[in-house]
């Protein structure tokens, strides 16, 4: 839990750098499943998730996000915390960038599952995005891996939007075969700062072999509050 505590301290320190220029926000969600890059992280069971983010006026930010998890075979992990340090801001009138380092933490596993990833996401007019992420220890497997995702966002009304994304995970052949997944979401704002999201996920056979029983076709429904 020391690493998780350090992430919280970093977030608070960021706020302290300049109260007048710092903004603190957060999310709280209840989901029918926790699906990450096409694979269930909770054995298709419900997930309770929460996150907090401190953003400085310069664009620097620190965040901490957590969820319950359940893996097969059992690794002893019951929770996941994602500690993030990064920068986000506008590159041009229509383009923005988010670049960060994420440490995936699984308390109670003796750090056997902890790993780090560098990521950058370019967004065009808040309508399309491209993400590239790389780790020298992808999925804590001891081998490099590069993840790429391209997505689009289509507003249907002031309260409802569609989001679609395609992802490709390039993994070292010594660890696993590369796999692909797609997802389609319908997101509806049911009240100020409250959203209801329904997402359909599908993966290829390589993902099913890598994550037996947890990849394939999945439906995830989540209610999220922002503050």
Protein backbone atom coordinates (compact mmCIF):
# COMPACT_ATOMS: atom_id res chain seq x y z
CA UNK A 1 0.00 0.00 0.00
CA UNK A 2 3.05 2.28 0.21
CA UNK A 3 2.97 3.05 -3.53
CA UNK A 4 -0.72 3.90 -3.34
CA UNK A 5 -0.08 6.25 -0.44
CA UNK A 6 2.75 7.93 -2.34
CA UNK A 7 0.43 8.57 -5.30
CA UNK A 8 -2.04 10.27 -2.99
CA UNK A 9 0.73 12.39 -1.50
CA UNK A 10 1.88 13.43 -5.00
CA UNK A 11 -1.64 14.51 -5.89
CA UNK A 12 -1.95 16.60 -2.73
CA UNK A 13 1.48 18.14 -3.30
CA UNK A 14 0.41 19.16 -6.79
CA UNK A 15 -2.52 21.04 -5.33
CA UNK A 16 -0.22 22.69 -2.80
CA UNK A 17 2.08 23.99 -5.56
CA UNK A 18 -0.46 26.66 -6.39
CA UNK A 19 -3.92 26.62 -4.90
CA UNK A 20 -5.10 29.39 -7.20
CA UNK A 21 -4.16 27.42 -10.29
CA UNK A 22 -5.04 23.90 -9.18
CA UNK A 23 -8.28 22.04 -9.76
CA UNK A 24 -9.37 18.86 -8.01
CA UNK A 25 -11.94 16.59 -9.61
CA UNK A 26 -13.06 13.02 -9.23
CA UNK A 27 -15.37 10.22 -10.29
CA UNK A 28 -17.37 7.48 -8.59
CA UNK A 29 -18.85 4.61 -10.60
CA UNK A 30 -20.78 1.39 -10.17
CA UNK A 31 -20.30 -0.99 -13.12
CA UNK A 32 -21.70 -4.39 -14.04
CA UNK A 33 -18.15 -5.44 -15.05
CA UNK A 34 -14.67 -3.95 -15.25
CA UNK A 35 -13.41 -4.50 -18.78
CA UNK A 36 -9.91 -3.32 -19.71
CA UNK A 37 -8.72 -3.56 -23.30
CA UNK A 38 -11.34 -6.17 -24.05
CA UNK A 39 -10.86 -8.42 -21.01
CA UNK A 40 -12.89 -8.60 -17.80
CA UNK A 41 -10.84 -7.76 -14.71
CA UNK A 42 -13.55 -8.88 -12.27
CA UNK A 43 -14.55 -12.28 -13.65
CA UNK A 44 -17.68 -10.63 -15.12
CA UNK A 45 -18.76 -9.48 -11.67
CA UNK A 46 -19.73 -5.96 -10.59
CA UNK A 47 -17.11 -3.30 -9.87
CA UNK A 48 -17.05 -0.25 -7.62
CA UNK A 49 -14.61 2.35 -8.90
CA UNK A 50 -13.42 5.76 -7.74
CA UNK A 51 -10.80 8.25 -8.81
CA UNK A 52 -9.40 11.66 -7.89
CA UNK A 53 -7.32 14.01 -10.01
CA UNK A 54 -5.42 17.18 -9.19
CA UNK A 55 -4.60 19.40 -12.17
CA UNK A 56 -2.23 22.38 -12.05
CA UNK A 57 -2.69 25.44 -14.22
CA UNK A 58 0.38 24.43 -16.23
CA UNK A 59 -1.38 21.26 -17.40
CA UNK A 60 0.54 18.94 -15.09
CA UNK A 61 -1.68 16.51 -13.20
CA UNK A 62 -1.62 13.60 -10.81
CA UNK A 63 -4.42 11.11 -10.37
CA UNK A 64 -5.27 7.97 -8.47
CA UNK A 65 -8.01 5.57 -9.59
CA UNK A 66 -9.09 2.30 -8.02
CA UNK A 67 -11.37 -0.68 -8.58
CA UNK A 68 -11.99 -4.12 -7.17
CA UNK A 69 -10.60 -6.96 -9.31
CA UNK A 70 -10.73 -10.75 -9.43
CA UNK A 71 -8.41 -12.77 -11.67
CA UNK A 72 -8.33 -16.41 -12.74
CA UNK A 73 -6.20 -18.20 -11.78
CA UNK A 74 -6.34 -16.46 -8.41
CA UNK A 75 -3.31 -14.18 -7.98
CA UNK A 76 -4.35 -12.82 -4.60
CA UNK A 77 -5.29 -9.45 -6.10
CA UNK A 78 -8.53 -7.99 -4.81
CA UNK A 79 -7.99 -4.36 -5.82
CA UNK A 80 -6.24 -2.32 -8.49
CA UNK A 81 -4.94 1.22 -8.14
CA UNK A 82 -3.71 3.24 -11.12
CA UNK A 83 -1.33 6.04 -10.09
CA UNK A 84 -0.79 8.53 -12.91
CA UNK A 85 1.50 11.50 -13.45
CA UNK A 86 1.09 13.43 -16.67
CA UNK A 87 0.50 16.57 -18.68
CA UNK A 88 -2.50 17.52 -20.79
CA UNK A 89 -3.11 20.61 -22.85
CA UNK A 90 -3.85 22.17 -26.21
CA UNK A 91 -1.30 21.77 -29.00
CA UNK A 92 -3.24 23.74 -31.62
CA UNK A 93 -6.78 25.15 -31.93
CA UNK A 94 -8.18 21.72 -32.86
CA UNK A 95 -5.65 19.40 -31.23
CA UNK A 96 -4.92 18.42 -27.64
CA UNK A 97 -2.47 15.99 -26.09
CA UNK A 98 -2.39 13.91 -22.91
CA UNK A 99 0.97 12.29 -22.08
CA UNK A 100 1.42 10.32 -18.88
CA UNK A 101 3.08 7.53 -16.96
CA UNK A 102 0.80 5.01 -15.24
CA UNK A 103 1.78 2.63 -12.49
CA UNK A 104 -0.66 -0.27 -12.16
CA UNK A 105 -0.67 -1.44 -8.55
CA UNK A 106 -2.18 -4.60 -7.06
CA UNK A 107 -1.85 -4.56 -3.25
CA UNK A 108 -1.50 -7.93 -1.58
CA UNK A 109 0.37 -9.61 -4.43
CA UNK A 110 3.92 -8.84 -3.30
CA UNK A 111 4.26 -6.47 -6.30
CA UNK A 112 4.33 -9.48 -8.63
CA UNK A 113 1.60 -7.90 -10.76
CA UNK A 114 2.67 -4.23 -10.57
CA UNK A 115 3.87 -2.67 -13.82
CA UNK A 116 4.39 0.71 -15.50
CA UNK A 117 3.28 2.09 -18.88
CA UNK A 118 3.97 5.30 -20.79
CA UNK A 119 1.10 6.64 -22.87
CA UNK A 120 0.20 9.53 -25.18
CA UNK A 121 -3.24 10.37 -26.56
CA UNK A 122 -3.83 12.96 -29.29
CA UNK A 123 -7.40 14.25 -29.63
CA UNK A 124 -8.92 16.16 -32.58
CA UNK A 125 -11.82 18.53 -31.84
CA UNK A 126 -12.94 16.21 -29.00
CA UNK A 127 -14.36 14.01 -31.76
CA UNK A 128 -11.52 11.58 -32.53
CA UNK A 129 -8.46 10.28 -30.71
CA UNK A 130 -5.37 8.16 -31.17
CA UNK A 131 -3.61 6.55 -28.23
CA UNK A 132 -0.20 4.90 -28.16
CA UNK A 133 1.08 3.21 -25.00
CA UNK A 134 4.24 1.23 -24.35
CA UNK A 135 5.71 -0.78 -21.50
CA UNK A 136 8.90 -2.79 -21.16
CA UNK A 137 6.98 -5.07 -18.78
CA UNK A 138 3.54 -5.28 -20.37
CA UNK A 139 0.93 -6.93 -18.13
CA UNK A 140 3.78 -7.60 -15.66
CA UNK A 141 4.84 -10.40 -17.99
CA UNK A 142 8.50 -9.45 -18.29
CA UNK A 143 8.27 -8.59 -22.00
CA UNK A 144 7.60 -5.36 -23.93
CA UNK A 145 4.20 -4.50 -25.29
CA UNK A 146 2.71 -1.64 -27.32
CA UNK A 147 -0.96 -0.77 -27.33
CA UNK A 148 -2.66 1.41 -29.95
CA UNK A 149 -6.25 2.60 -29.98
CA UNK A 150 -8.18 4.79 -32.40
CA UNK A 151 -11.62 6.10 -31.50
CA UNK A 152 -14.41 8.43 -32.52
CA UNK A 153 -17.08 10.32 -30.59
CA UNK A 154 -20.43 11.30 -32.14
CA UNK A 155 -22.88 13.53 -30.24
CA UNK A 156 -26.50 12.51 -30.84
CA UNK A 157 -27.99 15.26 -28.68
CA UNK A 158 -26.99 17.56 -25.85
CA UNK A 159 -27.29 14.62 -23.45
CA UNK A 160 -26.38 11.55 -25.52
CA UNK A 161 -23.32 10.50 -27.51
CA UNK A 162 -21.85 7.45 -29.21
CA UNK A 163 -18.23 6.38 -28.84
CA UNK A 164 -16.51 3.67 -30.89
CA UNK A 165 -12.93 2.45 -30.60
CA UNK A 166 -10.61 -0.18 -32.06
CA UNK A 167 -7.56 -1.38 -30.18
CA UNK A 168 -4.54 -3.50 -31.09
CA UNK A 169 -2.18 -4.87 -28.46
CA UNK A 170 1.23 -5.85 -29.84
CA UNK A 171 2.89 -8.24 -27.42
CA UNK A 172 6.21 -10.09 -27.51
CA UNK A 173 5.67 -13.54 -29.01
CA UNK A 174 7.40 -15.04 -25.96
CA UNK A 175 4.54 -13.75 -23.83
CA UNK A 176 1.45 -14.00 -26.04
CA UNK A 177 0.14 -13.39 -29.54
CA UNK A 178 -1.00 -9.91 -30.53
CA UNK A 179 -4.72 -9.36 -30.12
CA UNK A 180 -7.44 -6.95 -31.22
CA UNK A 181 -10.64 -5.67 -29.71
CA UNK A 182 -13.46 -3.26 -30.53
CA UNK A 183 -15.96 -1.45 -28.35
CA UNK A 184 -19.09 0.64 -28.88
CA UNK A 185 -20.61 2.81 -26.16
CA UNK A 186 -23.84 4.74 -25.74
CA UNK A 187 -23.44 7.41 -23.04
CA UNK A 188 -26.33 9.45 -21.67
CA UNK A 189 -26.24 12.28 -19.15
CA UNK A 190 -29.19 11.57 -16.87
CA UNK A 191 -28.51 14.60 -14.66
CA UNK A 192 -25.78 17.21 -14.19
CA UNK A 193 -22.57 15.29 -13.43
CA UNK A 194 -24.29 11.89 -13.73
CA UNK A 195 -23.85 9.58 -16.74
CA UNK A 196 -25.19 6.19 -17.67
CA UNK A 197 -22.96 4.19 -20.02
CA UNK A 198 -23.57 0.93 -21.90
CA UNK A 199 -20.59 -0.56 -23.76
CA UNK A 200 -20.38 -3.61 -25.95
CA UNK A 201 -16.96 -5.27 -26.24
CA UNK A 202 -15.63 -7.89 -28.66
CA UNK A 203 -12.18 -9.47 -29.05
CA UNK A 204 -10.47 -11.86 -31.44
CA UNK A 205 -9.44 -15.46 -30.70
CA UNK A 206 -5.94 -14.40 -29.61
CA UNK A 207 -7.46 -12.46 -26.72
CA UNK A 208 -9.65 -15.41 -25.79
CA UNK A 209 -6.57 -17.61 -25.59
CA UNK A 210 -4.64 -15.08 -23.53
CA UNK A 211 -7.55 -14.37 -21.17
CA UNK A 212 -9.61 -17.60 -21.18
CA UNK A 213 -13.13 -17.01 -19.96
CA UNK A 214 -12.63 -13.26 -19.63
CA UNK A 215 -12.36 -12.08 -23.25
CA UNK A 216 -14.76 -12.38 -26.16
CA UNK A 217 -18.14 -10.65 -26.38
CA UNK A 218 -19.11 -8.68 -23.30
CA UNK A 219 -21.64 -6.02 -22.26
CA UNK A 220 -20.71 -3.50 -19.57
CA UNK A 221 -23.18 -1.08 -17.98
CA UNK A 222 -22.02 1.66 -15.63
CA UNK A 223 -23.44 4.60 -13.68
CA UNK A 224 -20.87 7.33 -13.04
CA UNK A 225 -20.90 10.51 -11.02
CA UNK A 226 -18.37 13.33 -11.43
CA UNK A 227 -17.42 15.90 -8.85
